[in-house]
Amino acid sequence: MQRIHDVLHGAATTAADAVGWIADDRKIRFAEMDAWSDRVASGLLRLGIRRGDRVAVNGPNTPEWLAVYFAAAKIGAVVVGLSVRYRETEFARILGDSGSRAVVTVPSSEGIDFLQMLAGAKSSSAAGSRSDLRRRRRPPAR
């Protein structure tokens, strides 16, 4: 059975210049997504994320979300999907229950400040939580 990141790498090898994703006016080739997710995987490893760790991802359906998904798969981390429709209490519950060690999020969307909301969720779920969330600013993935 092939793993999802092996399928991406195979497409990047055999059809490197083929467009795999179109988002608005952006065309992302298989080789570009493979290299991009390698860089994100390196960043996750530098943060201390390892095989079996859970990484929560909050954002709309974008190529950035996919890059994090593929990156997590490459290092054996488990993606915990979050929704930009969730609010602080839902984030707190899911992050606490999942034991996510990191959260990758859009800073804001539709006027909602997710950095502030997640900071509040971290505070309210800190007691009794298995999570070890850290807040770090990071440069854009591209």
Foldseek 3Di string as FASTA:
>chain_A
DDFPLVVLVVCCVPPVPDFDDDDPPDTAGSVNLNVLLCLVLVVCVVVVDAAAAEEEEEDDPDSVSVSPVSSCSVRNYHYDYDYLPDFLVVLLVSCQVRQHAEYHYDCDDPPRGVVVSNVSSCVVNVVNGNYNYDDDDDDDSD
